[in-house]
Amino acid sequence: MKSFFAVLLQSLLFLLVFAAGSFAYHPFHLETTLAAVDGRSRSFVWDGVLLMLLAYGVVLLVELVWKRLRSSGPWTSLALLLAALAGWAMKFGFVTHNW
């Protein structure tokens, strides 16, 4: 039960970081244009994904220092996967420009 709540809270943390990097905070300014049709451009902003991976690395580093990597590492990886799938399902990072 304790690992279920840990996965849930870590997934929420990673999802919030993904959303913040996709909508508000763009430190890396990485953007890939996916399609350009009729004056509209569809692109994907990679900053949310990169910030989420950075947060994942920090969490794994803390688990390594506390010597909990073997028991908590797979659960943290599951939380990252769930947050990434949820973020892409909610279309975080996808932007349409009307120009």
Protein backbone atom coordinates (compact mmCIF):
# COMPACT_ATOMS: atom_id res chain seq x y z
CA MET A 1 0.00 0.00 0.00
CA LYS A 2 2.88 2.32 0.78
CA SER A 3 4.44 1.82 -2.66
CA PHE A 4 1.06 2.52 -4.32
CA PHE A 5 0.91 5.95 -2.68
CA ALA A 6 4.56 6.59 -3.54
CA VAL A 7 3.88 5.81 -7.21
CA LEU A 8 0.76 7.97 -7.16
CA LEU A 9 2.53 10.98 -5.61
CA GLN A 10 5.60 10.64 -7.82
CA SER A 11 3.38 10.37 -10.90
CA LEU A 12 1.61 13.53 -9.84
CA LEU A 13 4.96 15.27 -9.31
CA PHE A 14 6.25 14.22 -12.74
CA LEU A 15 2.96 15.18 -14.40
CA LEU A 16 3.03 18.65 -12.81
CA VAL A 17 6.64 19.16 -13.94
CA PHE A 18 5.67 18.00 -17.45
CA ALA A 19 2.76 20.45 -17.51
CA ALA A 20 4.84 23.34 -16.17
CA GLY A 21 7.52 22.76 -18.79
CA SER A 22 4.96 22.43 -21.55
CA PHE A 23 2.89 25.51 -20.76
CA ALA A 24 4.75 28.02 -18.61
CA TYR A 25 8.48 27.48 -18.25
CA HIS A 26 10.64 26.92 -21.37
CA PRO A 27 14.29 26.90 -20.29
CA PHE A 28 15.63 24.83 -23.22
CA HIS A 29 13.55 26.30 -26.08
CA LEU A 30 13.45 22.99 -27.96
CA GLU A 31 10.57 22.72 -30.39
CA THR A 32 9.93 20.26 -33.22
CA THR A 33 7.60 21.22 -36.06
CA LEU A 34 5.28 18.32 -36.81
CA ALA A 35 3.11 19.70 -39.62
CA ALA A 36 2.54 22.94 -41.46
CA VAL A 37 -0.75 23.21 -43.37
CA ASP A 38 -2.74 26.26 -44.58
CA GLY A 39 -0.80 28.81 -42.59
CA ARG A 40 -1.05 26.77 -39.40
CA SER A 41 1.92 25.11 -37.79
CA ARG A 42 1.69 22.20 -35.33
CA SER A 43 4.71 21.62 -33.13
CA PHE A 44 5.85 19.83 -29.98
CA VAL A 45 7.69 21.61 -27.15
CA TRP A 46 10.25 19.28 -25.56
CA ASP A 47 10.92 21.33 -22.40
CA GLY A 48 8.28 19.54 -20.30
CA VAL A 49 9.67 16.11 -21.19
CA LEU A 50 13.22 17.19 -20.45
CA LEU A 51 12.27 18.75 -17.11
CA MET A 52 10.35 15.59 -16.20
CA LEU A 53 13.42 13.47 -17.00
CA LEU A 54 15.57 15.83 -14.95
CA ALA A 55 13.19 15.45 -11.97
CA TYR A 56 13.32 11.66 -12.48
CA GLY A 57 17.11 11.78 -12.33
CA VAL A 58 17.03 13.83 -9.12
CA VAL A 59 14.60 11.38 -7.50
CA LEU A 60 16.80 8.43 -8.52
CA LEU A 61 19.87 10.24 -7.16
CA VAL A 62 18.14 10.76 -3.80
CA GLU A 63 17.14 7.08 -3.74
CA LEU A 64 20.73 6.13 -4.53
CA VAL A 65 22.08 8.25 -1.67
CA TRP A 66 19.54 6.75 0.74
CA LYS A 67 20.42 3.25 -0.55
CA ARG A 68 16.81 2.61 -1.60
CA LEU A 69 17.43 2.41 -5.34
CA ARG A 70 16.95 -1.34 -5.59
CA SER A 71 13.59 -1.32 -3.80
CA SER A 72 12.23 2.06 -4.97
CA GLY A 73 13.80 2.45 -8.41
CA PRO A 74 11.32 0.27 -10.32
CA TRP A 75 8.38 2.07 -8.68
CA THR A 76 9.85 5.44 -9.63
CA SER A 77 10.27 4.24 -13.21
CA LEU A 78 6.64 3.11 -13.24
CA ALA A 79 5.60 6.55 -11.96
CA LEU A 80 7.57 8.21 -14.76
CA LEU A 81 5.95 5.98 -17.37
CA LEU A 82 2.45 6.66 -16.04
CA ALA A 83 3.06 10.42 -15.93
CA ALA A 84 4.47 10.45 -19.46
CA LEU A 85 1.52 8.47 -20.83
CA ALA A 86 -0.97 10.69 -19.02
CA GLY A 87 0.79 13.86 -20.21
CA TRP A 88 0.82 12.75 -23.83
CA ALA A 89 -2.81 11.65 -23.57
CA MET A 90 -3.66 15.17 -22.32
CA LYS A 91 -1.62 16.61 -25.23
CA PHE A 92 0.95 18.39 -23.07
CA GLY A 93 3.61 19.98 -25.24
CA PHE A 94 1.60 20.09 -28.46
CA VAL A 95 1.12 23.63 -29.79
CA THR A 96 -0.75 24.94 -32.83
CA HIS A 97 0.30 28.33 -34.24
CA ASN A 98 -2.14 30.18 -36.51
CA TRP A 99 0.24 32.25 -38.62
